[in-house]
Amino acid sequence: TFSGYYMGWFRQAPGKAREFVSVISRSGDSTFY
């Protein structure tokens, strides 16, 4: 049931903490960056 999950992207640069990149809603109709 992949459609039941909000999916996000994060990144971690060398020597830095992990940071938020983007997220998409379960249906794919809403995004945030």
PDB file of all heavy atoms in Angstrom:
ATOM      1  N   THR A   1       0.836  -1.202   0.000  1.00  0.00           N
ATOM      2  CA  THR A   1       0.000   0.000   0.000  1.00  0.00           C
ATOM      3  C   THR A   1       0.866   1.245   0.000  1.00  0.00           C
ATOM      4  O   THR A   1       0.875   2.024   0.961  1.00  0.00           O
ATOM      5  CB  THR A   1      -0.945  -0.001   1.212  1.00  0.00           C
ATOM      6  OG1 THR A   1      -0.183  -0.150   2.420  1.00  0.00           O
ATOM      7  CG2 THR A   1      -1.940  -1.145   1.106  1.00  0.00           C
ATOM      8  N   PHE A   2       1.573   1.464  -1.091  1.00  0.00           N
ATOM      9  CA  PHE A   2       2.466   2.605  -1.213  1.00  0.00           C
ATOM     10  C   PHE A   2       1.718   3.927  -1.078  1.00  0.00           C
ATOM     11  O   PHE A   2       2.253   4.898  -0.530  1.00  0.00           O
ATOM     12  CB  PHE A   2       3.199   2.535  -2.552  1.00  0.00           C
ATOM     13  CG  PHE A   2       4.128   3.680  -2.803  1.00  0.00           C
ATOM     14  CD1 PHE A   2       5.266   3.851  -2.039  1.00  0.00           C
ATOM     15  CD2 PHE A   2       3.867   4.591  -3.818  1.00  0.00           C
ATOM     16  CE1 PHE A   2       6.135   4.904  -2.269  1.00  0.00           C
ATOM     17  CE2 PHE A   2       4.728   5.645  -4.063  1.00  0.00           C
ATOM     18  CZ  PHE A   2       5.865   5.803  -3.287  1.00  0.00           C
ATOM     19  N   SER A   3       0.486   3.969  -1.568  1.00  0.00           N
ATOM     20  CA  SER A   3      -0.294   5.193  -1.523  1.00  0.00           C
ATOM     21  C   SER A   3      -0.679   5.597  -0.103  1.00  0.00           C
ATOM     22  O   SER A   3      -1.193   6.694   0.105  1.00  0.00           O
ATOM     23  CB  SER A   3      -1.564   5.059  -2.373  1.00  0.00           C
ATOM     24  OG  SER A   3      -2.388   4.008  -1.892  1.00  0.00           O
ATOM     25  N   GLY A   4      -0.428   4.757   0.866  1.00  0.00           N
ATOM     26  CA  GLY A   4      -0.711   5.079   2.249  1.00  0.00           C
ATOM     27  C   GLY A   4       0.402   5.837   2.951  1.00  0.00           C
ATOM     28  O   GLY A   4       0.276   6.145   4.135  1.00  0.00           O
ATOM     29  N   TYR A   5       1.481   6.151   2.244  1.00  0.00           N
ATOM     30  CA  TYR A   5       2.647   6.789   2.847  1.00  0.00           C
ATOM     31  C   TYR A   5       2.912   8.174   2.271  1.00  0.00           C
ATOM     32  O   TYR A   5       2.871   8.369   1.057  1.00  0.00           O
ATOM     33  CB  TYR A   5       3.894   5.935   2.633  1.00  0.00           C
ATOM     34  CG  TYR A   5       3.864   4.607   3.358  1.00  0.00           C
ATOM     35  CD1 TYR A   5       3.293   3.486   2.770  1.00  0.00           C
ATOM     36  CD2 TYR A   5       4.414   4.490   4.629  1.00  0.00           C
ATOM     37  CE1 TYR A   5       3.262   2.275   3.437  1.00  0.00           C
ATOM     38  CE2 TYR A   5       4.389   3.282   5.297  1.00  0.00           C
ATOM     39  CZ  TYR A   5       3.813   2.182   4.698  1.00  0.00           C
ATOM     40  OH  TYR A   5       3.789   0.973   5.357  1.00  0.00           O
ATOM     41  N   TYR A   6       3.175   9.115   3.153  1.00  0.00           N
ATOM     42  CA  TYR A   6       3.809  10.361   2.751  1.00  0.00           C
ATOM     43  C   TYR A   6       5.276  10.045   2.473  1.00  0.00           C
ATOM     44  O   TYR A   6       5.922   9.313   3.235  1.00  0.00           O
ATOM     45  CB  TYR A   6       3.709  11.413   3.851  1.00  0.00           C
ATOM     46  CG  TYR A   6       2.304  11.908   4.079  1.00  0.00           C
ATOM     47  CD1 TYR A   6       1.394  11.170   4.830  1.00  0.00           C
ATOM     48  CD2 TYR A   6       1.886  13.127   3.548  1.00  0.00           C
ATOM     49  CE1 TYR A   6       0.105  11.620   5.036  1.00  0.00           C
ATOM     50  CE2 TYR A   6       0.602  13.588   3.756  1.00  0.00           C
ATOM     51  CZ  TYR A   6      -0.280  12.832   4.499  1.00  0.00           C
ATOM     52  OH  TYR A   6      -1.562  13.294   4.709  1.00  0.00           O
ATOM     53  N   MET A   7       5.804  10.595   1.396  1.00  0.00           N
ATOM     54  CA  MET A   7       7.176  10.307   0.991  1.00  0.00           C
ATOM     55  C   MET A   7       8.005  11.583   0.983  1.00  0.00           C
ATOM     56  O   MET A   7       7.596  12.592   0.410  1.00  0.00           O
ATOM     57  CB  MET A   7       7.207   9.662  -0.386  1.00  0.00           C
ATOM     58  CG  MET A   7       6.505   8.310  -0.460  1.00  0.00           C
ATOM     59  SD  MET A   7       7.274   7.062   0.620  1.00  0.00           S
ATOM     60  CE  MET A   7       8.938   6.996  -0.060  1.00  0.00           C
ATOM     61  N   GLY A   8       9.165  11.512   1.610  1.00  0.00           N
ATOM     62  CA  GLY A   8      10.034  12.673   1.698  1.00  0.00           C
ATOM     63  C   GLY A   8      11.437  12.387   1.204  1.00  0.00           C
ATOM     64  O   GLY A   8      11.852  11.236   1.077  1.00  0.00           O
ATOM     65  N   TRP A   9      12.142  13.468   0.901  1.00  0.00           N
ATOM     66  CA  TRP A   9      13.558  13.416   0.562  1.00  0.00           C
ATOM     67  C   TRP A   9      14.331  14.276   1.552  1.00  0.00           C
ATOM     68  O   TRP A   9      13.922  15.405   1.864  1.00  0.00           O
ATOM     69  CB  TRP A   9      13.826  13.916  -0.858  1.00  0.00           C
ATOM     70  CG  TRP A   9      13.417  12.973  -1.940  1.00  0.00           C
ATOM     71  CD1 TRP A   9      12.266  12.982  -2.663  1.00  0.00           C
ATOM     72  CD2 TRP A   9      14.190  11.870  -2.445  1.00  0.00           C
ATOM     73  NE1 TRP A   9      12.254  11.970  -3.584  1.00  0.00           N
ATOM     74  CE2 TRP A   9      13.432  11.260  -3.470  1.00  0.00           C
ATOM     75  CE3 TRP A   9      15.438  11.341  -2.131  1.00  0.00           C
ATOM     76  CZ2 TRP A   9      13.882  10.149  -4.184  1.00  0.00           C
ATOM     77  CZ3 TRP A   9      15.888  10.230  -2.839  1.00  0.00           C
ATOM     78  CH2 TRP A   9      15.113   9.657  -3.845  1.00  0.00           C
ATOM     79  N   PHE A  10      15.435  13.741   2.027  1.00  0.00           N
ATOM     80  CA  PHE A  10      16.369  14.452   2.883  1.00  0.00           C
ATOM     81  C   PHE A  10      17.765  14.334   2.293  1.00  0.00           C
ATOM     82  O   PHE A  10      18.018  13.496   1.431  1.00  0.00           O
ATOM     83  CB  PHE A  10      16.356  13.880   4.308  1.00  0.00           C
ATOM     84  CG  PHE A  10      15.104  14.162   5.074  1.00  0.00           C
ATOM     85  CD1 PHE A  10      13.934  13.468   4.812  1.00  0.00           C
ATOM     86  CD2 PHE A  10      15.088  15.124   6.071  1.00  0.00           C
ATOM     87  CE1 PHE A  10      12.772  13.718   5.516  1.00  0.00           C
ATOM     88  CE2 PHE A  10      13.935  15.385   6.792  1.00  0.00           C
ATOM     89  CZ  PHE A  10      12.780  14.687   6.512  1.00  0.00           C
ATOM     90  N   ARG A  11      18.669  15.165   2.773  1.00  0.00           N
ATOM     91  CA  ARG A  11      20.047  15.069   2.326  1.00  0.00           C
ATOM     92  C   ARG A  11      20.989  15.398   3.472  1.00  0.00           C
ATOM     93  O   ARG A  11      20.635  16.116   4.408  1.00  0.00           O
ATOM     94  CB  ARG A  11      20.321  15.984   1.135  1.00  0.00           C
ATOM     95  CG  ARG A  11      20.236  17.477   1.453  1.00  0.00           C
ATOM     96  CD  ARG A  11      20.397  18.292   0.182  1.00  0.00           C
ATOM     97  NE  ARG A  11      20.374  19.719   0.440  1.00  0.00           N
ATOM     98  CZ  ARG A  11      20.420  20.647  -0.506  1.00  0.00           C
ATOM     99  NH1 ARG A  11      20.498  20.301  -1.785  1.00  0.00           N
ATOM    100  NH2 ARG A  11      20.395  21.941  -0.175  1.00  0.00           N
ATOM    101  N   GLN A  12      22.197  14.861   3.371  1.00  0.00           N
ATOM    102  CA  GLN A  12      23.213  15.116   4.375  1.00  0.00           C
ATOM    103  C   GLN A  12      24.537  15.392   3.678  1.00  0.00           C
ATOM    104  O   GLN A  12      25.102  14.510   3.032  1.00  0.00           O
ATOM    105  CB  GLN A  12      23.347  13.933   5.336  1.00  0.00           C
ATOM    106  CG  GLN A  12      24.256  14.205   6.513  1.00  0.00           C
ATOM    107  CD  GLN A  12      24.124  13.162   7.603  1.00  0.00           C
ATOM    108  OE1 GLN A  12      23.674  12.046   7.358  1.00  0.00           O
ATOM    109  NE2 GLN A  12      24.510  13.522   8.810  1.00  0.00           N
ATOM    110  N   ALA A  13      25.014  16.612   3.809  1.00  0.00           N
ATOM    111  CA  ALA A  13      26.274  17.023   3.221  1.00  0.00           C
ATOM    112  C   ALA A  13      27.416  16.647   4.149  1.00  0.00           C
ATOM    113  O   ALA A  13      27.216  16.438   5.352  1.00  0.00           O
ATOM    114  CB  ALA A  13      26.270  18.520   2.964  1.00  0.00           C
ATOM    115  N   PRO A  14      28.638  16.561   3.619  1.00  0.00           N
ATOM    116  CA  PRO A  14      29.787  16.208   4.458  1.00  0.00           C
ATOM    117  C   PRO A  14      29.944  17.147   5.642  1.00  0.00           C
ATOM    118  O   PRO A  14      29.949  18.368   5.483  1.00  0.00           O
ATOM    119  CB  PRO A  14      30.971  16.329   3.498  1.00  0.00           C
ATOM    120  CG  PRO A  14      30.379  16.094   2.148  1.00  0.00           C
ATOM    121  CD  PRO A  14      29.015  16.717   2.206  1.00  0.00           C
ATOM    122  N   GLY A  15      30.047  16.577   6.827  1.00  0.00           N
ATOM    123  CA  GLY A  15      30.247  17.351   8.028  1.00  0.00           C
ATOM    124  C   GLY A  15      29.033  18.118   8.517  1.00  0.00           C
ATOM    125  O   GLY A  15      29.158  18.924   9.441  1.00  0.00           O
ATOM    126  N   LYS A  16      27.875  17.885   7.924  1.00  0.00           N
ATOM    127  CA  LYS A  16      26.680  18.609   8.317  1.00  0.00           C
ATOM    128  C   LYS A  16      25.567  17.651   8.729  1.00  0.00           C
ATOM    129  O   LYS A  16      25.606  16.462   8.423  1.00  0.00           O
ATOM    130  CB  LYS A  16      26.190  19.497   7.175  1.00  0.00           C
ATOM    131  CG  LYS A  16      27.161  20.593   6.770  1.00  0.00           C
ATOM    132  CD  LYS A  16      26.576  21.483   5.702  1.00  0.00           C
ATOM    133  CE  LYS A  16      27.523  22.601   5.332  1.00  0.00           C
ATOM    134  NZ  LYS A  16      26.957  23.479   4.284  1.00  0.00           N
ATOM    135  N   ALA A  17      24.572  18.190   9.399  1.00  0.00           N
ATOM    136  CA  ALA A  17      23.428  17.403   9.821  1.00  0.00           C
ATOM    137  C   ALA A  17      22.487  17.133   8.651  1.00  0.00           C
ATOM    138  O   ALA A  17      22.483  17.850   7.654  1.00  0.00           O
ATOM    139  CB  ALA A  17      22.688  18.113  10.943  1.00  0.00           C
ATOM    140  N   ARG A  18      21.694  16.112   8.798  1.00  0.00           N
ATOM    141  CA  ARG A  18      20.703  15.797   7.786  1.00  0.00           C
ATOM    142  C   ARG A  18      19.657  16.909   7.718  1.00  0.00           C
ATOM    143  O   ARG A  18      19.206  17.408   8.750  1.00  0.00           O
ATOM    144  CB  ARG A  18      20.040  14.464   8.103  1.00  0.00           C
ATOM    145  CG  ARG A  18      19.051  13.989   7.062  1.00  0.00           C
ATOM    146  CD  ARG A  18      18.506  12.613   7.428  1.00  0.00           C
ATOM    147  NE  ARG A  18      19.569  11.620   7.486  1.00  0.00           N
ATOM    148  CZ  ARG A  18      19.376  10.347   7.802  1.00  0.00           C
ATOM    149  NH1 ARG A  18      18.162   9.913   8.095  1.00  0.00           N
ATOM    150  NH2 ARG A  18      20.402   9.509   7.839  1.00  0.00           N
ATOM    151  N   GLU A  19      19.272  17.294   6.505  1.00  0.00           N
ATOM    152  CA  GLU A  19      18.315  18.363   6.341  1.00  0.00           C
ATOM    153  C   GLU A  19      17.190  17.951   5.402  1.00  0.00           C
ATOM    154  O   GLU A  19      17.366  17.142   4.493  1.00  0.00           O
ATOM    155  CB  GLU A  19      18.989  19.638   5.815  1.00  0.00           C
ATOM    156  CG  GLU A  19      19.552  19.522   4.412  1.00  0.00           C
ATOM    157  CD  GLU A  19      20.100  20.832   3.886  1.00  0.00           C
ATOM    158  OE1 GLU A  19      19.855  21.888   4.501  1.00  0.00           O
ATOM    159  OE2 GLU A  19      20.788  20.804   2.840  1.00  0.00           O
ATOM    160  N   PHE A  20      16.049  18.545   5.623  1.00  0.00           N
ATOM    161  CA  PHE A  20      14.864  18.277   4.823  1.00  0.00           C
ATOM    162  C   PHE A  20      14.993  18.884   3.442  1.00  0.00           C
ATOM    163  O   PHE A  20      15.485  20.000   3.279  1.00  0.00           O
ATOM    164  CB  PHE A  20      13.639  18.843   5.543  1.00  0.00           C
ATOM    165  CG  PHE A  20      12.393  18.871   4.711  1.00  0.00           C
ATOM    166  CD1 PHE A  20      11.684  17.710   4.456  1.00  0.00           C
ATOM    167  CD2 PHE A  20      11.921  20.062   4.200  1.00  0.00           C
ATOM    168  CE1 PHE A  20      10.531  17.733   3.699  1.00  0.00           C
ATOM    169  CE2 PHE A  20      10.764  20.104   3.448  1.00  0.00           C
ATOM    170  CZ  PHE A  20      10.068  18.930   3.192  1.00  0.00           C
ATOM    171  N   VAL A  21      14.503  18.155   2.428  1.00  0.00           N
ATOM    172  CA  VAL A  21      14.496  18.636   1.050  1.00  0.00           C
ATOM    173  C   VAL A  21      13.073  18.851   0.556  1.00  0.00           C
ATOM    174  O   VAL A  21      12.708  19.951   0.138  1.00  0.00           O
ATOM    175  CB  VAL A  21      15.234  17.665   0.114  1.00  0.00           C
ATOM    176  CG1 VAL A  21      15.111  18.124  -1.338  1.00  0.00           C
ATOM    177  CG2 VAL A  21      16.695  17.549   0.512  1.00  0.00           C
ATOM    178  N   SER A  22      12.256  17.799   0.604  1.00  0.00           N
ATOM    179  CA  SER A  22      10.910  17.893   0.041  1.00  0.00           C
ATOM    180  C   SER A  22      10.051  16.748   0.543  1.00  0.00           C
ATOM    181  O   SER A  22      10.559  15.720   0.992  1.00  0.00           O
ATOM    182  CB  SER A  22      10.976  17.866  -1.493  1.00  0.00           C
ATOM    183  OG  SER A  22       9.686  18.020  -2.064  1.00  0.00           O
ATOM    184  N   VAL A  23       8.737  16.927   0.448  1.00  0.00           N
ATOM    185  CA  VAL A  23       7.782  15.884   0.801  1.00  0.00           C
ATOM    186  C   VAL A  23       6.607  15.953  -0.166  1.00  0.00           C
ATOM    187  O   VAL A  23       6.273  17.025  -0.680  1.00  0.00           O
ATOM    188  CB  VAL A  23       7.297  16.030   2.265  1.00  0.00           C
ATOM    189  CG1 VAL A  23       6.534  17.337   2.451  1.00  0.00           C
ATOM    190  CG2 VAL A  23       6.454  14.837   2.683  1.00  0.00           C
ATOM    191  N   ILE A  24       5.982  14.816  -0.401  1.00  0.00           N
ATOM    192  CA  ILE A  24       4.821  14.741  -1.270  1.00  0.00           C
ATOM    193  C   ILE A  24       3.720  13.967  -0.559  1.00  0.00           C
ATOM    194  O   ILE A  24       3.986  12.998   0.154  1.00  0.00           O
ATOM    195  CB  ILE A  24       5.184  14.102  -2.632  1.00  0.00           C
ATOM    196  CG1 ILE A  24       4.022  14.210  -3.618  1.00  0.00           C
ATOM    197  CG2 ILE A  24       5.625  12.652  -2.452  1.00  0.00           C
ATOM    198  CD1 ILE A  24       4.428  13.888  -5.054  1.00  0.00           C
ATOM    199  N   SER A  25       2.484  14.408  -0.756  1.00  0.00           N
ATOM    200  CA  SER A  25       1.352  13.774  -0.102  1.00  0.00           C
ATOM    201  C   SER A  25       1.085  12.391  -0.668  1.00  0.00           C
ATOM    202  O   SER A  25       1.665  11.982  -1.672  1.00  0.00           O
ATOM    203  CB  SER A  25       0.106  14.647  -0.246  1.00  0.00           C
ATOM    204  OG  SER A  25      -0.259  14.780  -1.609  1.00  0.00           O
ATOM    205  N   ARG A  26       0.196  11.681  -0.021  1.00  0.00           N
ATOM    206  CA  ARG A  26      -0.075  10.297  -0.400  1.00  0.00           C
ATOM    207  C   ARG A  26      -0.624  10.162  -1.813  1.00  0.00           C
ATOM    208  O   ARG A  26      -0.247   9.240  -2.547  1.00  0.00           O
ATOM    209  CB  ARG A  26      -1.031   9.656   0.605  1.00  0.00           C
ATOM    210  CG  ARG A  26      -0.427   9.495   1.995  1.00  0.00           C
ATOM    211  CD  ARG A  26      -1.434   8.978   2.986  1.00  0.00           C
ATOM    212  NE  ARG A  26      -2.532   9.910   3.189  1.00  0.00           N
ATOM    213  CZ  ARG A  26      -3.528   9.715   4.030  1.00  0.00           C
ATOM    214  NH1 ARG A  26      -3.565   8.606   4.760  1.00  0.00           N
ATOM    215  NH2 ARG A  26      -4.482  10.618   4.147  1.00  0.00           N
ATOM    216  N   SER A  27      -1.483  11.077  -2.204  1.00  0.00           N
ATOM    217  CA  SER A  27      -2.052  11.061  -3.545  1.00  0.00           C
ATOM    218  C   SER A  27      -1.144  11.712  -4.580  1.00  0.00           C
ATOM    219  O   SER A  27      -1.353  11.528  -5.784  1.00  0.00           O
ATOM    220  CB  SER A  27      -3.401  11.764  -3.550  1.00  0.00           C
ATOM    221  OG  SER A  27      -3.258  13.133  -3.241  1.00  0.00           O
ATOM    222  N   GLY A  28      -0.171  12.478  -4.128  1.00  0.00           N
ATOM    223  CA  GLY A  28       0.724  13.179  -5.020  1.00  0.00           C
ATOM    224  C   GLY A  28       0.254  14.555  -5.440  1.00  0.00           C
ATOM    225  O   GLY A  28       0.926  15.209  -6.240  1.00  0.00           O
ATOM    226  N   ASP A  29      -0.860  15.023  -4.907  1.00  0.00           N
ATOM    227  CA  ASP A  29      -1.409  16.300  -5.334  1.00  0.00           C
ATOM    228  C   ASP A  29      -0.915  17.490  -4.518  1.00  0.00           C
ATOM    229  O   ASP A  29      -1.258  18.632  -4.846  1.00  0.00           O
ATOM    230  CB  ASP A  29      -2.939  16.273  -5.326  1.00  0.00           C
ATOM    231  CG  ASP A  29      -3.517  15.951  -3.962  1.00  0.00           C
ATOM    232  OD1 ASP A  29      -2.748  15.707  -3.017  1.00  0.00           O
ATOM    233  OD2 ASP A  29      -4.759  15.943  -3.848  1.00  0.00           O
ATOM    234  N   SER A  30      -0.112  17.247  -3.483  1.00  0.00           N
ATOM    235  CA  SER A  30       0.436  18.332  -2.673  1.00  0.00           C
ATOM    236  C   SER A  30       1.915  18.093  -2.418  1.00  0.00           C
ATOM    237  O   SER A  30       2.327  16.961  -2.154  1.00  0.00           O
ATOM    238  CB  SER A  30      -0.303  18.453  -1.342  1.00  0.00           C
ATOM    239  OG  SER A  30      -1.670  18.765  -1.546  1.00  0.00           O
ATOM    240  N   THR A  31       2.685  19.167  -2.490  1.00  0.00           N
ATOM    241  CA  THR A  31       4.124  19.078  -2.263  1.00  0.00           C
ATOM    242  C   THR A  31       4.595  20.241  -1.408  1.00  0.00           C
ATOM    243  O   THR A  31       3.950  21.289  -1.332  1.00  0.00           O
ATOM    244  CB  THR A  31       4.910  19.071  -3.580  1.00  0.00           C
ATOM    245  OG1 THR A  31       4.619  20.275  -4.306  1.00  0.00           O
ATOM    246  CG2 THR A  31       4.533  17.872  -4.431  1.00  0.00           C
ATOM    247  N   PHE A  32       5.741  20.061  -0.783  1.00  0.00           N
ATOM    248  CA  PHE A  32       6.339  21.096   0.043  1.00  0.00           C
ATOM    249  C   PHE A  32       7.848  20.969  -0.073  1.00  0.00           C
ATOM    250  O   PHE A  32       8.389  19.859  -0.084  1.00  0.00           O
ATOM    251  CB  PHE A  32       5.888  20.960   1.496  1.00  0.00           C
ATOM    252  CG  PHE A  32       6.532  21.938   2.430  1.00  0.00           C
ATOM    253  CD1 PHE A  32       6.266  23.289   2.331  1.00  0.00           C
ATOM    254  CD2 PHE A  32       7.412  21.515   3.417  1.00  0.00           C
ATOM    255  CE1 PHE A  32       6.856  24.201   3.182  1.00  0.00           C
ATOM    256  CE2 PHE A  32       8.007  22.410   4.278  1.00  0.00           C
ATOM    257  CZ  PHE A  32       7.726  23.761   4.161  1.00  0.00           C
ATOM    258  N   TYR A  33       8.539  22.125  -0.147  1.00  0.00           N
ATOM    259  CA  TYR A  33       9.980  22.146  -0.352  1.00  0.00           C
ATOM    260  C   TYR A  33      10.676  23.026   0.676  1.00  0.00           C
ATOM    261  O   TYR A  33      10.101  23.992   1.178  1.00  0.00           O
ATOM    262  CB  TYR A  33      10.326  22.677  -1.743  1.00  0.00           C
ATOM    263  CG  TYR A  33       9.763  21.866  -2.884  1.00  0.00           C
ATOM    264  CD1 TYR A  33       8.497  22.137  -3.394  1.00  0.00           C
ATOM    265  CD2 TYR A  33      10.501  20.824  -3.447  1.00  0.00           C
ATOM    266  CE1 TYR A  33       7.980  21.391  -4.434  1.00  0.00           C
ATOM    267  CE2 TYR A  33       9.988  20.082  -4.489  1.00  0.00           C
ATOM    268  CZ  TYR A  33       8.726  20.371  -4.981  1.00  0.00           C
ATOM    269  OH  TYR A  33       8.214  19.634  -6.020  1.00  0.00           O
TER     270      TYR A  33
END
